[in-house]
C-alpha atoms as a PDB file:
ATOM      1  CA  MET A   1      65.811 200.911 121.372  1.00  0.00           C
ATOM      2  CA  ARG A   2      66.513 201.962 117.774  1.00  0.00           C
ATOM      3  CA  PHE A   3      70.024 203.029 116.793  1.00  0.00           C
ATOM      4  CA  ASN A   4      69.617 205.590 114.045  1.00  0.00           C
ATOM      5  CA  ASN A   5      73.238 206.697 113.763  1.00  0.00           C
ATOM      6  CA  VAL A   6      74.899 203.300 114.243  1.00  0.00           C
ATOM      7  CA  TYR A   7      76.218 201.176 111.375  1.00  0.00           C
ATOM      8  CA  PHE A   8      76.932 197.497 112.026  1.00  0.00           C
ATOM      9  CA  ILE A   9      79.219 195.072 110.201  1.00  0.00           C
ATOM     10  CA  ASN A  10      78.792 191.392 110.995  1.00  0.00           C
ATOM     11  CA  GLY A  11      80.059 188.287 109.218  1.00  0.00           C
ATOM     12  CA  THR A  12      82.967 185.882 109.234  1.00  0.00           C
ATOM     13  CA  ALA A  13      86.624 186.158 110.177  1.00  0.00           C
ATOM     14  CA  TYR A  14      89.155 187.363 107.583  1.00  0.00           C
ATOM     15  CA  ALA A  15      86.490 189.258 105.660  1.00  0.00           C
ATOM     16  CA  GLY A  16      87.882 192.722 106.478  1.00  0.00           C
ATOM     17  CA  LYS A  17      85.312 193.897 109.027  1.00  0.00           C
ATOM     18  CA  SER A  18      87.750 195.617 111.385  1.00  0.00           C
ATOM     19  CA  THR A  19      89.525 197.390 108.538  1.00  0.00           C
ATOM     20  CA  MET A  20      86.265 198.778 107.186  1.00  0.00           C
ATOM     21  CA  ILE A  21      85.122 199.959 110.618  1.00  0.00           C
ATOM     22  CA  LYS A  22      88.328 201.938 111.088  1.00  0.00           C
ATOM     23  CA  LEU A  23      88.284 203.443 107.594  1.00  0.00           C
ATOM     24  CA  LEU A  24      84.626 204.445 107.779  1.00  0.00           C
ATOM     25  CA  ALA A  25      85.021 206.059 111.193  1.00  0.00           C
ATOM     26  CA  GLU A  26      88.047 208.000 109.982  1.00  0.00           C
ATOM     27  CA  LYS A  27      86.399 209.184 106.776  1.00  0.00           C
ATOM     28  CA  TYR A  28      83.090 210.192 108.361  1.00  0.00           C
ATOM     29  CA  ASP A  29      84.472 211.609 111.620  1.00  0.00           C
ATOM     30  CA  GLY A  30      82.758 208.838 113.509  1.00  0.00           C
ATOM     31  CA  ILE A  31      83.359 206.458 116.388  1.00  0.00           C
ATOM     32  CA  ALA A  32      84.953 203.080 115.687  1.00  0.00           C
ATOM     33  CA  CYS A  33      83.802 200.210 117.888  1.00  0.00           C
ATOM     34  CA  ASP A  34      86.371 197.658 116.865  1.00  0.00           C
ATOM     35  CA  GLU A  35      86.364 193.929 117.526  1.00  0.00           C
ATOM     36  CA  ASN A  36      86.037 193.192 121.269  1.00  0.00           C
ATOM     37  CA  TYR A  37      85.378 196.835 122.165  1.00  0.00           C
ATOM     38  CA  HIS A  38      83.291 195.517 125.039  1.00  0.00           C
ATOM     39  CA  ASP A  39      86.395 194.093 126.762  1.00  0.00           C
ATOM     40  CA  ARG A  40      86.573 197.207 128.909  1.00  0.00           C
ATOM     41  CA  LEU A  41      83.600 195.877 130.876  1.00  0.00           C
ATOM     42  CA  LEU A  42      85.167 192.462 131.464  1.00  0.00           C
ATOM     43  CA  PRO A  43      86.628 193.138 134.950  1.00  0.00           C
ATOM     44  CA  GLN A  44      83.207 193.956 136.415  1.00  0.00           C
ATOM     45  CA  LEU A  45      81.287 190.977 134.997  1.00  0.00           C
ATOM     46  CA  THR A  46      79.921 188.259 137.280  1.00  0.00           C
ATOM     47  CA  LYS A  47      80.288 184.541 136.626  1.00  0.00           C
ATOM     48  CA  GLU A  48      76.575 184.053 137.212  1.00  0.00           C
ATOM     49  CA  GLU A  49      75.464 186.421 134.440  1.00  0.00           C
ATOM     50  CA  TYR A  50      78.404 186.023 132.058  1.00  0.00           C
ATOM     51  CA  PRO A  51      79.794 182.491 132.504  1.00  0.00           C
ATOM     52  CA  CYS A  52      81.357 182.304 129.028  1.00  0.00           C
ATOM     53  CA  LEU A  53      83.135 185.668 129.041  1.00  0.00           C
ATOM     54  CA  THR A  54      84.429 185.169 132.570  1.00  0.00           C
ATOM     55  CA  TYR A  55      85.694 181.685 131.681  1.00  0.00           C
ATOM     56  CA  THR A  56      88.797 183.100 130.003  1.00  0.00           C
ATOM     57  CA  ARG A  57      89.084 185.973 132.465  1.00  0.00           C
ATOM     58  CA  ASP A  58      89.376 183.584 135.394  1.00  0.00           C
ATOM     59  CA  LEU A  59      91.195 180.722 133.672  1.00  0.00           C
ATOM     60  CA  THR A  60      94.216 179.546 135.658  1.00  0.00           C
ATOM     61  CA  ASP A  61      95.566 176.921 133.258  1.00  0.00           C
ATOM     62  CA  TRP A  62      95.186 177.896 129.607  1.00  0.00           C
ATOM     63  CA  HIS A  63      95.902 174.348 128.517  1.00  0.00           C
ATOM     64  CA  ASP A  64      92.320 173.658 129.588  1.00  0.00           C
ATOM     65  CA  PHE A  65      91.192 176.098 126.895  1.00  0.00           C
ATOM     66  CA  ILE A  66      92.780 174.183 124.035  1.00  0.00           C
ATOM     67  CA  ARG A  67      91.935 170.738 125.438  1.00  0.00           C
ATOM     68  CA  ARG A  68      88.184 171.190 125.210  1.00  0.00           C
ATOM     69  CA  THR A  69      86.285 169.061 122.740  1.00  0.00           C
ATOM     70  CA  PRO A  70      85.092 170.703 119.492  1.00  0.00           C
ATOM     71  CA  GLU A  71      81.538 170.518 120.868  1.00  0.00           C
ATOM     72  CA  GLU A  72      82.540 172.286 124.080  1.00  0.00           C
ATOM     73  CA  TYR A  73      84.429 174.914 122.093  1.00  0.00           C
ATOM     74  CA  GLU A  74      81.415 175.607 119.864  1.00  0.00           C
ATOM     75  CA  LYS A  75      79.060 175.852 122.834  1.00  0.00           C
ATOM     76  CA  TRP A  76      81.408 178.305 124.556  1.00  0.00           C
ATOM     77  CA  PHE A  77      81.813 180.356 121.356  1.00  0.00           C
ATOM     78  CA  ASP A  78      78.054 180.715 120.938  1.00  0.00           C
ATOM     79  CA  GLY A  79      77.710 181.630 124.598  1.00  0.00           C
ATOM     80  CA  VAL A  80      80.337 184.342 124.231  1.00  0.00           C
ATOM     81  CA  SER A  81      78.439 185.778 121.250  1.00  0.00           C
ATOM     82  CA  ARG A  82      75.203 185.977 123.236  1.00  0.00           C
ATOM     83  CA  GLU A  83      76.904 187.590 126.213  1.00  0.00           C
ATOM     84  CA  CYS A  84      78.809 190.041 124.003  1.00  0.00           C
ATOM     85  CA  GLU A  85      75.523 191.105 122.451  1.00  0.00           C
ATOM     86  CA  LYS A  86      74.215 192.134 125.869  1.00  0.00           C
ATOM     87  CA  LEU A  87      77.352 194.171 126.538  1.00  0.00           C
ATOM     88  CA  GLU A  88      77.337 195.773 123.096  1.00  0.00           C
ATOM     89  CA  LEU A  89      73.779 196.954 123.446  1.00  0.00           C
ATOM     90  CA  LYS A  90      74.584 198.415 126.852  1.00  0.00           C
ATOM     91  CA  ILE A  91      77.611 200.319 125.514  1.00  0.00           C
ATOM     92  CA  LEU A  92      75.822 201.514 122.398  1.00  0.00           C
ATOM     93  CA  GLU A  93      72.948 202.939 124.432  1.00  0.00           C
ATOM     94  CA  GLU A  94      75.532 205.157 126.128  1.00  0.00           C
ATOM     95  CA  ILE A  95      77.543 206.327 123.144  1.00  0.00           C
ATOM     96  CA  ASN A  96      74.529 206.608 120.837  1.00  0.00           C
ATOM     97  CA  LEU A  97      73.767 209.931 122.529  1.00  0.00           C
ATOM     98  CA  GLN A  98      76.807 211.486 120.850  1.00  0.00           C
ATOM     99  CA  ASN A  99      76.171 213.390 117.655  1.00  0.00           C
ATOM    100  CA  LYS A 100      78.480 211.229 115.568  1.00  0.00           C
ATOM    101  CA  PRO A 101      78.055 208.161 113.359  1.00  0.00           C
ATOM    102  CA  ILE A 102      79.112 204.954 115.087  1.00  0.00           C
ATOM    103  CA  PHE A 103      80.636 202.051 113.157  1.00  0.00           C
ATOM    104  CA  VAL A 104      80.572 198.673 114.889  1.00  0.00           C
ATOM    105  CA  ASP A 105      82.342 195.366 114.279  1.00  0.00           C
ATOM    106  CA  THR A 106      79.572 193.449 115.945  1.00  0.00           C
ATOM    107  CA  ASN A 107      78.626 190.191 117.654  1.00  0.00           C
ATOM    108  CA  ILE A 108      74.961 191.171 117.630  1.00  0.00           C
ATOM    109  CA  SER A 109      72.831 188.500 116.001  1.00  0.00           C
ATOM    110  CA  ILE A 110      71.026 188.940 112.703  1.00  0.00           C
ATOM    111  CA  GLU A 111      67.686 188.553 114.487  1.00  0.00           C
ATOM    112  CA  THR A 112      68.448 191.348 116.958  1.00  0.00           C
ATOM    113  CA  LEU A 113      69.871 193.649 114.284  1.00  0.00           C
ATOM    114  CA  LYS A 114      66.607 193.449 112.366  1.00  0.00           C
ATOM    115  CA  ASN A 115      64.844 194.867 115.434  1.00  0.00           C
ATOM    116  CA  ILE A 116      67.192 197.714 116.318  1.00  0.00           C
ATOM    117  CA  VAL A 117      68.283 199.323 113.023  1.00  0.00           C
ATOM    118  CA  GLU A 118      67.113 199.970 109.497  1.00  0.00           C
ATOM    119  CA  TYR A 119      68.079 197.666 106.642  1.00  0.00           C
ATOM    120  CA  ASN A 120      70.817 199.947 105.290  1.00  0.00           C
ATOM    121  CA  HIS A 121      72.558 200.165 108.664  1.00  0.00           C
ATOM    122  CA  VAL A 122      73.776 196.555 108.509  1.00  0.00           C
ATOM    123  CA  LEU A 123      76.436 195.066 106.262  1.00  0.00           C
ATOM    124  CA  ILE A 124      77.547 191.429 106.140  1.00  0.00           C
ATOM    125  CA  MET A 125      81.153 190.718 105.143  1.00  0.00           C
ATOM    126  CA  LEU A 126      82.109 187.134 104.338  1.00  0.00           C
ATOM    127  CA  ALA A 127      85.256 185.162 103.610  1.00  0.00           C
ATOM    128  CA  ASP A 128      85.454 181.521 102.631  1.00  0.00           C
ATOM    129  CA  PRO A 129      84.414 179.561 105.753  1.00  0.00           C
ATOM    130  CA  GLN A 130      87.630 177.550 105.668  1.00  0.00           C
ATOM    131  CA  THR A 131      89.903 180.601 105.580  1.00  0.00           C
ATOM    132  CA  SER A 132      89.844 181.060 109.344  1.00  0.00           C
ATOM    133  CA  VAL A 133      90.604 177.386 109.883  1.00  0.00           C
ATOM    134  CA  ARG A 134      93.553 177.357 107.496  1.00  0.00           C
ATOM    135  CA  ARG A 135      95.013 180.732 108.443  1.00  0.00           C
ATOM    136  CA  PHE A 136      94.115 181.043 112.120  1.00  0.00           C
ATOM    137  CA  PHE A 137      97.709 180.835 113.352  1.00  0.00           C
ATOM    138  CA  GLU A 138      99.185 182.896 110.514  1.00  0.00           C
ATOM    139  CA  ARG A 139      98.193 186.176 112.091  1.00  0.00           C
ATOM    140  CA  PRO A 140     100.939 187.654 114.274  1.00  0.00           C
ATOM    141  CA  ASP A 141      98.625 188.840 117.077  1.00  0.00           C
ATOM    142  CA  LYS A 142      99.889 187.667 120.421  1.00  0.00           C
ATOM    143  CA  GLU A 143      96.692 185.863 121.440  1.00  0.00           C
ATOM    144  CA  LYS A 144      96.831 183.444 118.509  1.00  0.00           C
ATOM    145  CA  GLN A 145     100.558 182.893 118.904  1.00  0.00           C
ATOM    146  CA  PHE A 146     100.025 182.217 122.601  1.00  0.00           C
ATOM    147  CA  LEU A 147      97.476 179.511 121.748  1.00  0.00           C
ATOM    148  CA  TYR A 148      99.793 178.065 119.119  1.00  0.00           C
ATOM    149  CA  GLN A 149     102.574 177.729 121.679  1.00  0.00           C
ATOM    150  CA  LEU A 150     100.206 176.027 124.124  1.00  0.00           C
ATOM    151  CA  ILE A 151      99.315 173.491 121.457  1.00  0.00           C
ATOM    152  CA  MET A 152     102.971 172.888 120.629  1.00  0.00           C
ATOM    153  CA  ASP A 153     103.691 172.322 124.330  1.00  0.00           C
ATOM    154  CA  GLU A 154     101.098 169.531 124.574  1.00  0.00           C
ATOM    155  CA  PRO A 155     102.331 165.909 124.940  1.00  0.00           C
ATOM    156  CA  ASP A 156     100.879 165.201 121.486  1.00  0.00           C
ATOM    157  CA  PRO A 157     100.946 168.477 119.522  1.00  0.00           C
ATOM    158  CA  GLU A 158      99.511 166.904 116.369  1.00  0.00           C
ATOM    159  CA  TYR A 159      96.457 165.615 118.231  1.00  0.00           C
ATOM    160  CA  ALA A 160      96.066 168.928 120.065  1.00  0.00           C
ATOM    161  CA  MET A 161      96.221 170.888 116.796  1.00  0.00           C
ATOM    162  CA  ASN A 162      93.711 168.601 115.064  1.00  0.00           C
ATOM    163  CA  ASN A 163      91.364 168.875 118.038  1.00  0.00           C
ATOM    164  CA  TYR A 164      91.568 172.676 118.062  1.00  0.00           C
ATOM    165  CA  ARG A 165      91.067 172.925 114.309  1.00  0.00           C
ATOM    166  CA  LYS A 166      87.944 170.769 114.570  1.00  0.00           C
ATOM    167  CA  GLY A 167      86.549 173.374 116.945  1.00  0.00           C
ATOM    168  CA  LEU A 168      87.415 176.115 114.455  1.00  0.00           C
ATOM    169  CA  GLU A 169      85.666 174.126 111.733  1.00  0.00           C
ATOM    170  CA  ARG A 170      82.488 173.979 113.801  1.00  0.00           C
ATOM    171  CA  ILE A 171      82.334 177.761 114.312  1.00  0.00           C
ATOM    172  CA  ASN A 172      83.281 178.418 110.685  1.00  0.00           C
ATOM    173  CA  SER A 173      80.889 175.928 109.149  1.00  0.00           C
ATOM    174  CA  LYS A 174      79.144 176.286 105.800  1.00  0.00           C
ATOM    175  CA  GLU A 175      75.834 176.382 107.674  1.00  0.00           C
ATOM    176  CA  ARG A 176      76.886 179.460 109.653  1.00  0.00           C
ATOM    177  CA  TYR A 177      78.214 181.083 106.479  1.00  0.00           C
ATOM    178  CA  ASP A 178      74.938 180.444 104.688  1.00  0.00           C
ATOM    179  CA  ARG A 179      72.925 181.989 107.529  1.00  0.00           C
ATOM    180  CA  PHE A 180      74.874 185.222 107.042  1.00  0.00           C
ATOM    181  CA  LEU A 181      74.665 184.972 103.260  1.00  0.00           C
ATOM    182  CA  ASN A 182      70.892 184.552 103.361  1.00  0.00           C
ATOM    183  CA  SER A 183      70.259 187.027 106.194  1.00  0.00           C
ATOM    184  CA  GLY A 184      68.477 189.518 103.948  1.00  0.00           C
ATOM    185  CA  PHE A 185      71.106 192.211 104.514  1.00  0.00           C
ATOM    186  CA  ARG A 186      73.603 193.423 101.925  1.00  0.00           C
ATOM    187  CA  VAL A 187      76.665 191.192 101.605  1.00  0.00           C
ATOM    188  CA  ILE A 188      80.252 191.843 100.516  1.00  0.00           C
ATOM    189  CA  LEU A 189      82.261 188.728  99.688  1.00  0.00           C
ATOM    190  CA  ARG A 190      86.022 188.782 100.201  1.00  0.00           C
ATOM    191  CA  ASP A 191      87.856 189.212  96.912  1.00  0.00           C
ATOM    192  CA  LYS A 192      91.652 189.290  96.915  1.00  0.00           C
ATOM    193  CA  ASN A 193      91.595 191.090  93.560  1.00  0.00           C
ATOM    194  CA  ARG A 194      89.581 194.009  94.962  1.00  0.00           C
ATOM    195  CA  SER A 195      91.457 196.891  96.589  1.00  0.00           C
ATOM    196  CA  ILE A 196      90.704 198.212 100.064  1.00  0.00           C
ATOM    197  CA  GLU A 197      89.511 201.450  98.462  1.00  0.00           C
ATOM    198  CA  GLN A 198      87.070 199.548  96.279  1.00  0.00           C
ATOM    199  CA  THR A 199      85.773 197.595  99.263  1.00  0.00           C
ATOM    200  CA  LEU A 200      85.354 200.848 101.189  1.00  0.00           C
ATOM    201  CA  ALA A 201      83.292 202.254  98.324  1.00  0.00           C
ATOM    202  CA  LEU A 202      81.060 199.170  98.391  1.00  0.00           C
ATOM    203  CA  ALA A 203      80.585 199.546 102.149  1.00  0.00           C
ATOM    204  CA  GLU A 204      79.729 203.238 101.773  1.00  0.00           C
ATOM    205  CA  ASN A 205      77.158 202.440  99.109  1.00  0.00           C
ATOM    206  CA  SER A 206      75.641 199.713 101.271  1.00  0.00           C
ATOM    207  CA  PHE A 207      75.236 202.172 104.134  1.00  0.00           C
ATOM    208  CA  GLY A 208      74.021 204.960 101.863  1.00  0.00           C
ATOM    209  CA  LEU A 209      76.951 207.129 102.916  1.00  0.00           C
ATOM    210  CA  ALA A 210      78.667 207.733  99.592  1.00  0.00           C
ATOM    211  CA  GLY A 211      78.924 211.440  98.941  1.00  0.00           C
ATOM    212  CA  SER A 212      77.475 212.447 102.308  1.00  0.00           C
ATOM    213  CA  ARG A 213      80.861 213.464 103.762  1.00  0.00           C
ATOM    214  CA  GLY A 214      84.583 213.236 103.173  1.00  0.00           C
END
């Protein structure tokens, strides 16, 4: 299926994807599919079809989450991305029938995006690959602070933190960054000296939206 009125932003953490999705949807009277918008389907998923997404849903001791090896964490992360892609496509098929532009903070892979939308319907936003590793626990959202407290409650918090950060390093590697950078789609690199308004203008130009509304 082709998504002619859907605009996707993929890339790395801390690049501003969620902010752009919200601003674009507001400016162009569209629908914002923010990060993890597929969570509404989580209660009905089966372990057989979605083993990675249901792992956290059914977890009884969250210390098991932070105790995994970096390799196990990376494998789970990639599995979540694949399963999220299936859910995203299912949701988008439903809401694509509405006569509104849809802006998506997406998990859908570069390969799949090339098959479902035109070139100017995809934008890649990137931050330094180490930013997420260094600043992961700086964000005040309750999920990250919950994980931080679990790590601090471990018998050896320093070991637990180093182990968790090694997992973050694997999913924020230079190799993954370079795959996005060289995807063939337009790229916006995070720049702390650029205003949100300037970044929005770059995103609009990438999508060919500038001047169409607003």
